[in-house]
Amino acid sequence: MISEHGAEVGIAALCKAFGEPRASWYRTRRPRIVCAEPRQSARRLSQVEEHQVLETLNSGRFRDMAPGEIYAILLDEDRYLCSERTMYRTEVYKLANCKSIRCTSSKEQGGFGREYIRVSV
């Protein structure tokens, strides 16, 4: 109805008369944008390199250390696997070493409600 008589009366007046927000009317007529699939970075670690980082992070020597400590020790030994940030970011490391469990009673204990506990596997 709005699109049929919009040229004669005006879109704003018709939307107001029908109680439909003008922005919503225009949004429904806009063509849908199809999102492209996310691209892989050329600087991303290969699977072999990622596996090597994972083995190093999970080795008995480094198991109880933070990636920052591991990074510093490896640099002292003249070994560079990846950046410290990449060690943190590696999803494989996160999944292999710990899982996040939502703390349901954090609000009752004075928290903010969205706190997570890291549990070693």
Protein backbone atom coordinates (compact mmCIF):
# COMPACT_ATOMS: atom_id res chain seq x y z
CA MET A 1 0.00 0.00 0.00
CA ILE A 2 2.77 2.42 0.91
CA SER A 3 4.79 1.67 -2.20
CA GLU A 4 1.71 2.03 -4.45
CA HIS A 5 0.69 5.49 -3.21
CA GLY A 6 4.07 6.76 -2.01
CA ALA A 7 4.67 8.91 -5.08
CA GLU A 8 1.31 10.66 -4.70
CA VAL A 9 1.09 11.23 -0.95
CA GLY A 10 4.65 10.73 0.28
CA ILE A 11 6.36 7.86 2.02
CA ALA A 12 6.73 9.67 5.36
CA ALA A 13 3.03 10.58 5.55
CA LEU A 14 1.88 7.05 4.65
CA CYS A 15 4.25 5.41 7.11
CA LYS A 16 3.00 7.72 9.85
CA ALA A 17 -0.63 7.00 8.93
CA PHE A 18 -0.09 3.21 9.02
CA GLY A 19 2.11 3.31 12.12
CA GLU A 20 5.09 1.74 10.38
CA PRO A 21 8.52 3.22 11.08
CA ARG A 22 9.88 4.83 7.93
CA ALA A 23 13.35 3.31 8.44
CA SER A 24 11.84 -0.18 8.62
CA TRP A 25 9.92 0.38 5.38
CA TYR A 26 13.07 1.50 3.56
CA ARG A 27 15.13 -1.33 5.09
CA THR A 28 12.77 -3.99 3.74
CA ARG A 29 13.08 -2.60 0.21
CA ARG A 30 16.88 -2.48 0.21
CA PRO A 31 18.58 -5.34 -1.66
CA ARG A 32 20.20 -7.96 0.53
CA ILE A 33 23.97 -7.89 0.64
CA VAL A 34 25.60 -11.30 0.40
CA CYS A 35 28.67 -11.47 2.59
CA ALA A 36 31.79 -13.02 1.13
CA GLU A 37 33.45 -15.88 2.96
CA PRO A 38 36.24 -14.78 5.30
CA ARG A 39 39.63 -14.79 3.66
CA GLN A 40 42.61 -16.62 5.07
CA SER A 41 45.61 -14.44 5.83
CA ALA A 42 48.75 -15.14 3.85
CA ARG A 43 50.71 -14.75 7.11
CA ARG A 44 48.74 -17.47 8.88
CA LEU A 45 50.72 -20.36 10.31
CA SER A 46 50.66 -23.52 8.25
CA GLN A 47 49.27 -26.66 9.84
CA VAL A 48 52.79 -28.00 10.35
CA GLU A 49 53.90 -24.79 12.08
CA GLU A 50 50.71 -24.70 14.17
CA HIS A 51 51.29 -28.32 15.20
CA GLN A 52 54.87 -27.49 16.18
CA VAL A 53 53.68 -24.55 18.31
CA LEU A 54 51.03 -26.74 19.92
CA GLU A 55 53.54 -29.47 20.76
CA THR A 56 55.88 -26.90 22.29
CA LEU A 57 53.14 -25.26 24.37
CA ASN A 58 51.88 -28.61 25.64
CA SER A 59 55.29 -30.18 26.27
CA GLY A 60 56.09 -31.23 29.82
CA ARG A 61 58.64 -28.46 30.12
CA PHE A 62 56.18 -25.65 29.31
CA ARG A 63 52.82 -27.13 30.35
CA ASP A 64 52.29 -24.90 33.41
CA MET A 65 53.65 -21.68 31.88
CA ALA A 66 51.92 -18.81 30.18
CA PRO A 67 52.69 -18.24 26.49
CA GLY A 68 54.56 -15.04 27.39
CA GLU A 69 56.99 -16.96 29.56
CA ILE A 70 57.41 -19.65 26.91
CA TYR A 71 58.06 -17.00 24.27
CA ALA A 72 60.80 -15.39 26.38
CA ILE A 73 62.49 -18.71 27.16
CA LEU A 74 62.45 -19.76 23.49
CA LEU A 75 63.96 -16.42 22.45
CA ASP A 76 66.74 -16.90 25.03
CA GLU A 77 67.43 -20.24 23.34
CA ASP A 78 67.45 -18.57 19.87
CA ARG A 79 64.24 -20.36 18.82
CA TYR A 80 61.42 -18.40 17.22
CA LEU A 81 58.21 -20.31 16.53
CA CYS A 82 55.74 -17.46 16.31
CA SER A 83 54.83 -14.25 18.10
CA GLU A 84 53.62 -14.27 21.67
CA ARG A 85 50.21 -13.06 20.49
CA THR A 86 49.97 -15.96 18.04
CA MET A 87 50.63 -18.36 20.88
CA TYR A 88 47.67 -16.88 22.76
CA ARG A 89 45.50 -16.75 19.67
CA THR A 90 46.04 -20.32 18.53
CA GLU A 91 42.65 -21.92 18.92
CA VAL A 92 44.22 -25.35 18.97
CA TYR A 93 46.15 -24.38 22.11
CA LYS A 94 43.00 -23.07 23.78
CA LEU A 95 40.99 -26.18 22.96
CA ALA A 96 43.74 -28.62 23.88
CA ASN A 97 44.73 -27.07 27.19
CA CYS A 98 41.55 -25.76 28.78
CA LYS A 99 37.87 -25.23 28.42
CA SER A 100 35.75 -22.30 29.55
CA ILE A 101 32.92 -23.00 31.94
CA ARG A 102 30.39 -20.31 32.69
CA CYS A 103 30.22 -19.43 36.36
CA THR A 104 26.49 -19.32 37.08
CA SER A 105 26.66 -17.88 40.58
CA SER A 106 29.06 -14.98 39.93
CA LYS A 107 26.34 -12.33 40.37
CA GLU A 108 25.43 -13.78 43.75
CA GLN A 109 29.08 -13.59 44.78
CA GLY A 110 29.39 -9.91 43.81
CA GLY A 111 30.64 -10.47 40.24
CA PHE A 112 29.32 -9.06 36.98
CA GLY A 113 27.57 -12.20 35.77
CA ARG A 114 29.76 -13.16 32.81
CA GLU A 115 32.83 -14.60 34.41
CA TYR A 116 34.58 -17.69 33.14
CA ILE A 117 36.72 -20.21 34.93
CA ARG A 118 39.57 -21.91 33.09
CA VAL A 119 39.92 -25.58 33.89
CA SER A 120 42.91 -27.67 32.83
CA VAL A 121 42.06 -30.84 30.97
